[in-house]
C-alpha atoms as a PDB file:
ATOM      1  CA  UNK A   1     117.607 101.826 115.171  1.00  0.00           C
ATOM      2  CA  UNK A   2     118.603 105.493 115.312  1.00  0.00           C
ATOM      3  CA  UNK A   3     115.926 108.098 114.699  1.00  0.00           C
ATOM      4  CA  UNK A   4     117.502 111.196 113.226  1.00  0.00           C
ATOM      5  CA  UNK A   5     116.219 114.731 113.513  1.00  0.00           C
ATOM      6  CA  UNK A   6     114.965 116.075 110.191  1.00  0.00           C
ATOM      7  CA  UNK A   7     115.733 119.689 109.370  1.00  0.00           C
ATOM      8  CA  UNK A   8     114.874 121.762 106.315  1.00  0.00           C
ATOM      9  CA  UNK A   9     117.138 124.341 104.715  1.00  0.00           C
ATOM     10  CA  UNK A  10     115.649 127.749 104.069  1.00  0.00           C
ATOM     11  CA  UNK A  11     115.450 126.869 100.379  1.00  0.00           C
ATOM     12  CA  UNK A  12     113.656 123.581 101.069  1.00  0.00           C
ATOM     13  CA  UNK A  13     111.249 125.294 103.446  1.00  0.00           C
ATOM     14  CA  UNK A  14     110.382 127.838 100.724  1.00  0.00           C
ATOM     15  CA  UNK A  15     109.805 124.984  98.250  1.00  0.00           C
ATOM     16  CA  UNK A  16     107.466 123.239 100.698  1.00  0.00           C
ATOM     17  CA  UNK A  17     105.502 126.423 101.380  1.00  0.00           C
ATOM     18  CA  UNK A  18     105.135 127.134  97.640  1.00  0.00           C
ATOM     19  CA  UNK A  19     104.049 123.583  96.767  1.00  0.00           C
ATOM     20  CA  UNK A  20     101.653 123.404  99.724  1.00  0.00           C
ATOM     21  CA  UNK A  21      99.999 126.707  98.724  1.00  0.00           C
ATOM     22  CA  UNK A  22      99.641 125.472  95.146  1.00  0.00           C
ATOM     23  CA  UNK A  23      98.184 122.180  96.368  1.00  0.00           C
ATOM     24  CA  UNK A  24      95.586 123.927  98.573  1.00  0.00           C
ATOM     25  CA  UNK A  25      94.459 126.118  95.666  1.00  0.00           C
ATOM     26  CA  UNK A  26      94.444 123.525  92.882  1.00  0.00           C
ATOM     27  CA  UNK A  27      93.585 120.115  94.316  1.00  0.00           C
ATOM     28  CA  UNK A  28      90.332 118.653  95.619  1.00  0.00           C
ATOM     29  CA  UNK A  29      92.033 116.935  98.559  1.00  0.00           C
ATOM     30  CA  UNK A  30      94.198 119.538 100.311  1.00  0.00           C
ATOM     31  CA  UNK A  31      95.015 117.214 103.237  1.00  0.00           C
ATOM     32  CA  UNK A  32      96.989 114.874 100.969  1.00  0.00           C
ATOM     33  CA  UNK A  33      99.996 117.204 100.790  1.00  0.00           C
ATOM     34  CA  UNK A  34     100.699 117.544 104.545  1.00  0.00           C
ATOM     35  CA  UNK A  35      99.972 113.846 105.111  1.00  0.00           C
ATOM     36  CA  UNK A  36     102.386 112.745 102.374  1.00  0.00           C
ATOM     37  CA  UNK A  37     105.057 115.154 103.636  1.00  0.00           C
ATOM     38  CA  UNK A  38     104.679 113.865 107.193  1.00  0.00           C
ATOM     39  CA  UNK A  39     105.077 110.261 106.015  1.00  0.00           C
ATOM     40  CA  UNK A  40     108.142 111.168 103.967  1.00  0.00           C
ATOM     41  CA  UNK A  41     109.779 113.010 106.859  1.00  0.00           C
ATOM     42  CA  UNK A  42     109.091 110.123 109.243  1.00  0.00           C
ATOM     43  CA  UNK A  43     110.562 107.641 106.769  1.00  0.00           C
ATOM     44  CA  UNK A  44     113.698 109.767 106.388  1.00  0.00           C
ATOM     45  CA  UNK A  45     114.050 110.022 110.166  1.00  0.00           C
ATOM     46  CA  UNK A  46     114.185 106.253 110.617  1.00  0.00           C
ATOM     47  CA  UNK A  47     115.460 104.987 107.234  1.00  0.00           C
ATOM     48  CA  UNK A  48     117.367 107.784 105.475  1.00  0.00           C
ATOM     49  CA  UNK A  49     119.174 105.339 103.198  1.00  0.00           C
ATOM     50  CA  UNK A  50     115.871 104.394 101.580  1.00  0.00           C
ATOM     51  CA  UNK A  51     116.043 107.204  99.016  1.00  0.00           C
ATOM     52  CA  UNK A  52     118.015 106.810  95.817  1.00  0.00           C
ATOM     53  CA  UNK A  53     121.394 108.434  95.223  1.00  0.00           C
ATOM     54  CA  UNK A  54     121.271 111.599  93.158  1.00  0.00           C
ATOM     55  CA  UNK A  55     124.690 112.355  91.700  1.00  0.00           C
ATOM     56  CA  UNK A  56     123.639 115.156  89.333  1.00  0.00           C
ATOM     57  CA  UNK A  57     123.266 117.646  92.184  1.00  0.00           C
ATOM     58  CA  UNK A  58     126.951 118.174  92.869  1.00  0.00           C
ATOM     59  CA  UNK A  59     126.405 117.711  96.607  1.00  0.00           C
ATOM     60  CA  UNK A  60     128.249 114.753  98.170  1.00  0.00           C
ATOM     61  CA  UNK A  61     125.835 112.168  99.554  1.00  0.00           C
ATOM     62  CA  UNK A  62     122.746 113.774  98.014  1.00  0.00           C
ATOM     63  CA  UNK A  63     119.745 111.448  97.813  1.00  0.00           C
ATOM     64  CA  UNK A  64     116.108 111.811  96.875  1.00  0.00           C
ATOM     65  CA  UNK A  65     112.894 110.220  98.072  1.00  0.00           C
ATOM     66  CA  UNK A  66     109.854 110.105  95.799  1.00  0.00           C
ATOM     67  CA  UNK A  67     106.511 111.087  97.319  1.00  0.00           C
ATOM     68  CA  UNK A  68     104.051 109.537  94.844  1.00  0.00           C
ATOM     69  CA  UNK A  69     100.794 111.088  96.059  1.00  0.00           C
ATOM     70  CA  UNK A  70     102.097 114.621  95.522  1.00  0.00           C
ATOM     71  CA  UNK A  71     104.456 113.837  92.630  1.00  0.00           C
ATOM     72  CA  UNK A  72     107.551 115.378  94.221  1.00  0.00           C
ATOM     73  CA  UNK A  73     111.007 114.337  95.390  1.00  0.00           C
ATOM     74  CA  UNK A  74     112.582 115.308  98.705  1.00  0.00           C
ATOM     75  CA  UNK A  75     116.299 115.934  98.121  1.00  0.00           C
ATOM     76  CA  UNK A  76     118.402 115.410 101.241  1.00  0.00           C
ATOM     77  CA  UNK A  77     121.659 114.434 102.877  1.00  0.00           C
ATOM     78  CA  UNK A  78     122.150 112.717 106.222  1.00  0.00           C
ATOM     79  CA  UNK A  79     124.650 111.743 108.886  1.00  0.00           C
ATOM     80  CA  UNK A  80     124.390 109.838 112.167  1.00  0.00           C
ATOM     81  CA  UNK A  81     122.282 112.533 113.833  1.00  0.00           C
ATOM     82  CA  UNK A  82     120.473 114.606 111.210  1.00  0.00           C
ATOM     83  CA  UNK A  83     118.688 114.472 107.895  1.00  0.00           C
ATOM     84  CA  UNK A  84     118.945 117.780 106.066  1.00  0.00           C
ATOM     85  CA  UNK A  85     116.207 118.277 103.477  1.00  0.00           C
ATOM     86  CA  UNK A  86     117.668 120.530 100.806  1.00  0.00           C
ATOM     87  CA  UNK A  87     114.803 120.750  98.293  1.00  0.00           C
ATOM     88  CA  UNK A  88     111.308 119.625  97.395  1.00  0.00           C
ATOM     89  CA  UNK A  89     111.014 119.403  93.628  1.00  0.00           C
ATOM     90  CA  UNK A  90     108.267 118.276  91.288  1.00  0.00           C
ATOM     91  CA  UNK A  91     109.082 114.996  89.552  1.00  0.00           C
ATOM     92  CA  UNK A  92     107.577 116.163  86.235  1.00  0.00           C
ATOM     93  CA  UNK A  93     110.211 118.850  85.754  1.00  0.00           C
ATOM     94  CA  UNK A  94     112.891 118.021  83.228  1.00  0.00           C
ATOM     95  CA  UNK A  95     115.730 118.845  85.606  1.00  0.00           C
ATOM     96  CA  UNK A  96     116.519 118.618  89.291  1.00  0.00           C
ATOM     97  CA  UNK A  97     116.675 121.565  91.675  1.00  0.00           C
ATOM     98  CA  UNK A  98     120.463 121.740  91.582  1.00  0.00           C
ATOM     99  CA  UNK A  99     120.853 121.731  87.789  1.00  0.00           C
ATOM    100  CA  UNK A 100     121.933 124.871  85.985  1.00  0.00           C
END
């Protein structure tokens, strides 16, 4: 089994920082957010095909992984060496991060 390196785009990093700040200010269990993110990143590193295909984004090979405890999707692409996280987006929104 290949373990890929997981990298975040600048956009995805900004999404994570924003959501984490919101979570710390508005939830009773602030440790849930970093724990759920860590589990999601580890899963993507070892099983990147586990997420579902997301064809509405206009990016070839785009997939998303649902993180149920924080109610968000990680949007990403991958190859043999890297997983590139492109966005973290709340699942309750009526559109994805790449919609216009």
